Amino acid sequence: MKADHRFYKEHGLYDFPQKKRGTALKMYLVGSLMSSPKLRAKMGNKINEGMIAPYKKVLEQH
């Protein structure tokens, strides 16, 4: 995710500004936590499942 963020930021591909400081701080906190190999190993595949969960709900409704 960090590499994606860096790429999008360098190439100006973000289509929205993050102006809410609280939300931005939360995202930096999550990013720093996810940079820990121990924490990532502990979380396993749950991160990916959490990211696609909203899309699964939409697909199941149709």
Protein backbone atom coordinates (compact mmCIF):
# COMPACT_ATOMS: atom_id res chain seq x y z
CA MET A 1 0.00 0.00 0.00
CA LYS A 2 2.84 2.38 0.72
CA ALA A 3 4.27 1.87 -2.76
CA ASP A 4 0.83 2.56 -4.26
CA HIS A 5 0.47 5.73 -2.20
CA ARG A 6 3.91 6.93 -3.24
CA PHE A 7 3.20 6.23 -6.93
CA TYR A 8 -0.18 7.99 -6.92
CA LYS A 9 1.21 10.96 -5.01
CA GLU A 10 4.23 11.35 -7.31
CA HIS A 11 2.10 11.14 -10.45
CA GLY A 12 -0.74 13.34 -9.18
CA LEU A 13 -3.33 10.60 -9.59
CA TYR A 14 -5.31 11.21 -6.43
CA ASP A 15 -8.78 12.42 -7.32
CA PHE A 16 -9.65 13.69 -3.88
CA PRO A 17 -7.84 15.74 -1.26
CA GLN A 18 -7.81 14.43 2.30
CA LYS A 19 -8.58 17.57 4.23
CA LYS A 20 -9.93 15.99 7.39
CA ARG A 21 -6.97 15.96 9.72
CA GLY A 22 -8.41 13.27 11.99
CA THR A 23 -8.94 10.91 9.08
CA ALA A 24 -5.48 11.64 7.70
CA LEU A 25 -3.88 10.94 11.08
CA LYS A 26 -5.77 7.65 11.37
CA MET A 27 -4.53 6.60 7.95
CA TYR A 28 -0.93 7.41 8.88
CA LEU A 29 -1.35 5.41 12.09
CA VAL A 30 -2.71 2.41 10.20
CA GLY A 31 0.09 2.72 7.67
CA SER A 32 2.75 2.75 10.36
CA LEU A 33 1.17 -0.22 12.11
CA MET A 34 1.01 -2.16 8.86
CA SER A 35 4.71 -1.58 8.22
CA SER A 36 5.46 -3.93 11.12
CA PRO A 37 6.17 -7.43 9.75
CA LYS A 38 5.10 -9.04 13.04
CA LEU A 39 1.73 -7.32 12.99
CA ARG A 40 1.16 -8.14 9.32
CA ALA A 41 1.96 -11.80 9.97
CA LYS A 42 -0.47 -11.81 12.89
CA MET A 43 -3.25 -10.22 10.83
CA GLY A 44 -2.73 -12.63 7.97
CA ASN A 45 -5.32 -12.45 5.21
CA LYS A 46 -7.88 -10.56 7.31
CA ILE A 47 -6.70 -7.26 5.86
CA ASN A 48 -7.63 -8.28 2.34
CA GLU A 49 -10.94 -9.73 3.50
CA GLY A 50 -11.77 -6.47 5.27
CA MET A 51 -10.97 -4.41 2.19
CA ILE A 52 -13.22 -6.44 -0.12
CA ALA A 53 -16.09 -6.98 2.37
CA PRO A 54 -18.13 -3.94 1.19
CA TYR A 55 -17.84 -5.08 -2.41
CA LYS A 56 -18.98 -8.60 -1.53
CA LYS A 57 -22.13 -7.16 0.03
CA VAL A 58 -22.92 -5.20 -3.13
CA LEU A 59 -22.32 -8.22 -5.35
CA GLU A 60 -24.48 -10.45 -3.17
CA GLN A 61 -27.39 -7.98 -3.42
CA HIS A 62 -27.44 -8.15 -7.22
